Protein backbone atom coordinates (compact mmCIF):
# COMPACT_ATOMS: atom_id res chain seq x y z
CA MET A 1 13.29 -2.87 -21.18
CA SER A 2 14.56 -4.21 -17.89
CA HIS A 3 12.94 -5.38 -14.70
CA ARG A 4 13.86 -6.93 -11.39
CA ARG A 5 11.66 -9.22 -9.35
CA LEU A 6 10.81 -7.56 -6.08
CA GLY A 7 9.40 -9.20 -2.95
CA LEU A 8 7.97 -7.14 -0.13
CA ALA A 9 9.24 -7.69 3.37
CA ALA A 10 7.06 -9.54 5.84
CA GLY A 11 6.74 -6.45 8.01
CA LEU A 12 4.16 -4.67 5.87
CA VAL A 13 1.72 -2.72 7.98
CA VAL A 14 -1.79 -1.96 6.82
CA ALA A 15 -2.15 1.75 7.50
CA VAL A 16 -5.72 2.57 6.47
CA LEU A 17 -8.70 1.08 4.72
CA THR A 18 -10.08 4.07 2.88
CA LEU A 19 -12.50 2.58 0.38
CA SER A 20 -15.19 -0.05 0.52
CA ALA A 21 -14.14 -3.43 -0.82
CA CYS A 22 -15.01 -4.11 -4.46
CA ASP A 23 -15.88 -7.59 -5.62
CA GLY A 24 -15.90 -8.96 -9.13
CA SER A 25 -13.60 -8.65 -12.11
CA GLU A 26 -13.35 -7.03 -15.50
CA GLY A 27 -12.44 -8.93 -18.63
CA VAL A 28 -9.94 -7.83 -21.26
CA GLY A 29 -9.76 -10.32 -24.09
CA THR A 30 -9.28 -13.65 -22.32
CA GLU A 31 -7.92 -12.04 -19.14
CA ALA A 32 -9.90 -11.12 -16.02
CA TYR A 33 -8.78 -8.49 -13.54
CA ALA A 34 -9.95 -8.12 -9.96
CA LYS A 35 -10.86 -4.70 -8.67
CA GLY A 36 -8.73 -3.34 -5.83
CA ASP A 37 -10.05 -3.59 -2.29
CA GLY A 38 -9.17 -0.09 -1.06
CA THR A 39 -6.26 -1.17 1.12
CA ALA A 40 -3.39 1.23 1.78
CA VAL A 41 -0.08 -0.25 2.93
CA GLU A 42 2.89 1.72 4.23
CA ILE A 43 6.31 0.06 4.36
CA ALA A 44 8.83 0.96 7.05
CA GLU A 45 12.02 2.41 5.60
CA ALA A 46 14.17 -0.43 6.93
CA GLN A 47 11.94 -2.99 5.18
CA ARG A 48 11.69 -1.52 1.68
CA GLY A 49 14.12 -3.88 0.00
CA GLU A 50 15.98 -3.20 -3.23
CA PRO A 51 15.29 -0.36 -5.69
CA VAL A 52 12.87 -1.17 -8.47
CA GLU A 53 14.33 -1.26 -11.97
CA VAL A 54 11.83 -0.61 -14.75
CA SER A 55 12.30 0.87 -18.19
CA GLY A 56 10.38 0.81 -21.41
CA THR A 57 8.54 2.77 -24.07
CA THR A 58 5.82 5.29 -23.27
CA LEU A 59 2.50 5.59 -25.06
CA THR A 60 4.00 8.44 -27.08
CA GLY A 61 6.99 6.35 -28.18
CA GLU A 62 9.66 7.77 -25.87
CA GLN A 63 12.08 5.77 -23.72
CA LEU A 64 11.63 6.08 -19.95
CA ASP A 65 13.71 4.58 -17.14
CA LEU A 66 12.58 4.96 -13.53
CA ALA A 67 16.24 5.06 -12.50
CA SER A 68 16.44 8.53 -14.07
CA MET A 69 14.07 9.74 -11.35
CA ARG A 70 16.22 8.67 -8.40
CA GLY A 71 16.44 11.45 -5.84
CA ARG A 72 12.74 12.28 -6.24
CA THR A 73 9.61 10.63 -4.87
CA VAL A 74 7.64 8.87 -7.62
CA VAL A 75 3.95 8.01 -7.74
CA LEU A 76 3.39 5.07 -10.08
CA ASN A 77 -0.14 4.20 -11.17
CA VAL A 78 -1.12 0.97 -12.96
CA TRP A 79 -4.16 1.60 -15.16
CA GLY A 80 -6.07 0.69 -18.30
CA SER A 81 -8.64 2.65 -20.29
CA TRP A 82 -10.93 -0.39 -20.07
CA CYS A 83 -10.92 -0.23 -16.25
CA ALA A 84 -13.94 1.49 -14.63
CA PRO A 85 -12.19 2.19 -11.27
CA CYS A 86 -9.30 3.74 -13.24
CA ARG A 87 -11.73 6.17 -14.83
CA LYS A 88 -13.14 6.92 -11.39
CA GLU A 89 -9.75 7.91 -9.97
CA ALA A 90 -8.34 9.71 -13.02
CA LYS A 91 -9.32 13.25 -12.03
CA ASP A 92 -8.01 12.72 -8.51
CA LEU A 93 -4.66 11.53 -9.89
CA VAL A 94 -4.41 14.62 -12.08
CA ALA A 95 -5.28 16.90 -9.16
CA ALA A 96 -2.72 15.16 -6.93
CA SER A 97 -0.03 15.48 -9.60
CA LYS A 98 -0.65 19.22 -9.82
CA GLN A 99 -0.55 19.52 -6.03
CA LEU A 100 2.53 17.38 -5.48
CA GLY A 101 4.57 18.10 -8.60
CA PRO A 102 5.95 21.40 -7.28
CA ARG A 103 7.10 19.52 -4.17
CA GLY A 104 9.46 17.28 -6.14
CA VAL A 105 7.10 14.36 -6.78
CA ASP A 106 7.05 12.73 -10.23
CA PHE A 107 4.07 10.79 -11.60
CA VAL A 108 4.37 7.84 -13.98
CA GLY A 109 1.76 5.41 -15.27
CA ILE A 110 1.93 1.82 -16.46
CA ASN A 111 -0.76 1.26 -19.07
CA LEU A 112 -1.77 -2.38 -18.91
CA ARG A 113 -3.17 -4.39 -21.81
CA ASP A 114 -4.50 -1.50 -23.86
CA ASN A 115 -3.66 -3.09 -27.20
CA ASN A 116 -5.00 0.00 -28.97
CA THR A 117 -2.57 2.80 -28.14
CA ALA A 118 -4.93 5.38 -29.66
CA GLN A 119 -7.58 4.37 -27.14
CA ALA A 120 -5.16 4.81 -24.24
CA LEU A 121 -4.05 8.22 -25.56
CA ALA A 122 -7.68 9.28 -25.95
CA TYR A 123 -8.24 8.32 -22.30
CA GLU A 124 -5.32 10.52 -21.24
CA GLN A 125 -6.62 13.43 -23.28
CA LYS A 126 -10.14 13.05 -21.89
CA TYR A 127 -8.97 13.24 -18.28
CA GLY A 128 -6.16 15.74 -18.79
CA ILE A 129 -3.37 13.32 -17.87
CA THR A 130 -0.02 14.87 -18.79
CA PHE A 131 2.43 12.57 -16.99
CA PRO A 132 3.98 9.74 -19.05
CA SER A 133 2.80 6.13 -19.04
CA LEU A 134 4.86 3.09 -19.96
CA LYS A 135 3.10 0.72 -22.35
CA ASP A 136 2.79 -2.82 -20.96
CA ASP A 137 0.69 -4.87 -23.37
CA GLY A 138 1.80 -8.24 -22.04
CA GLY A 139 2.24 -7.44 -18.36
CA GLU A 140 6.02 -7.92 -18.43
CA LEU A 141 6.75 -4.65 -16.63
CA LEU A 142 4.60 -5.71 -13.70
CA LEU A 143 7.07 -8.53 -13.03
CA ALA A 144 9.32 -5.87 -11.47
CA PHE A 145 6.64 -5.36 -8.82
CA ARG A 146 5.91 -9.00 -8.05
CA GLY A 147 4.93 -9.19 -4.40
CA ALA A 148 3.95 -5.50 -4.39
CA VAL A 149 1.30 -5.30 -7.12
CA PRO A 150 -1.23 -8.13 -7.26
CA PRO A 151 -1.07 -9.15 -10.93
CA LYS A 152 -4.83 -8.92 -11.44
CA ALA A 153 -5.68 -5.96 -9.14
CA ILE A 154 -6.24 -2.86 -11.24
CA PRO A 155 -5.82 0.00 -10.52
CA THR A 156 -2.89 -0.05 -8.10
CA THR A 157 -0.88 3.01 -7.04
CA LEU A 158 2.63 2.85 -5.60
CA VAL A 159 4.71 5.52 -3.87
CA ILE A 160 8.42 5.00 -4.62
CA ASP A 161 10.93 6.72 -2.36
CA PRO A 162 13.92 8.79 -3.63
CA GLN A 163 16.12 5.66 -3.38
CA GLY A 164 13.83 3.88 -5.86
CA ARG A 165 12.21 1.56 -3.29
CA ILE A 166 8.50 0.91 -2.89
CA ALA A 167 7.37 2.78 0.22
CA ALA A 168 3.57 2.59 -0.01
CA ARG A 169 0.83 0.90 -2.01
CA PHE A 170 -2.87 1.54 -2.56
CA SER A 171 -5.11 -1.04 -4.17
CA GLY A 172 -8.20 0.32 -5.90
CA ALA A 173 -9.43 3.73 -7.04
CA ILE A 174 -7.51 6.28 -4.98
CA THR A 175 -8.63 9.79 -3.98
CA GLN A 176 -6.52 12.92 -4.12
CA ARG A 177 -6.45 13.26 -0.35
CA THR A 178 -5.48 9.64 0.27
CA LEU A 179 -2.65 9.84 -2.27
CA VAL A 180 -1.34 13.10 -0.82
CA ASP A 181 -1.44 11.56 2.65
CA LEU A 182 0.56 8.53 1.48
CA VAL A 183 3.16 10.71 -0.22
CA GLU A 184 3.47 12.93 2.83
CA GLY A 185 3.98 9.83 4.94
CA VAL A 186 6.91 8.86 2.73
CA THR A 187 8.47 12.32 2.33
CA GLY A 188 7.76 13.60 5.83
CA ALA A 189 6.56 16.86 4.25
CA SER A 190 3.15 18.47 4.31
CA ALA A 191 1.50 19.59 1.10
CA ALA A 192 -0.85 22.55 1.07
CA PRO A 193 -4.51 21.46 1.34
CA SER A 194 -6.52 21.45 -1.85
CA SER A 195 -10.12 22.62 -2.02
CA SER A 196 -10.82 19.93 -4.63
CA ALA A 197 -9.67 17.07 -2.43
CA ALA A 198 -12.32 14.48 -1.76
CA PRO A 199 -13.13 13.81 1.90
CA ALA A 200 -11.23 10.84 3.26
CA ALA A 201 -13.23 7.91 4.57
CA GLU A 202 -12.86 6.99 8.18
CA PRO A 203 -10.38 4.14 8.79
CA SER A 204 -11.93 0.76 9.43
CA THR A 205 -11.65 -0.63 12.92
């Protein structure tokens, strides 16, 4: 397992606020995690910094290194089976992966603090999640995203460009349409509309 500390450039631009803010936290053991606030951030290409280096073991016991996905856009979702907003977004993530996968977009999860692997695997089976998730019991993998992923904001979804750099971030339960829009903003390509996409909320002013 390897990781590199990553700081985001000061030029981050808030692109849209697509969900209502969520207050409160959820406890896992002695830890408490804040719910995401629905903020989407897009990062200009010149300000994306160094490639992220993350590798580890998946929930099914296989080795996975994000570097092996260079040349393709990657959607990375931080989740836990104990997290209510994660359950809310799960079907949208699956739908987005089916829509974007044929366009050269890979999906990867980071499963945070699910000490019971069987519980995490049951979650994936329940929601039809077929993309791999790295197991991160102690939160060490998240150190690679320091400055990009608030350590106690779950779920968080990142879009990583083909060079391995973080290009966009969404904090909170994401919808299929919002995720597709973020990916299209990074790739410059348009995905075919999906009839199952949830309506996007109007941006805040």
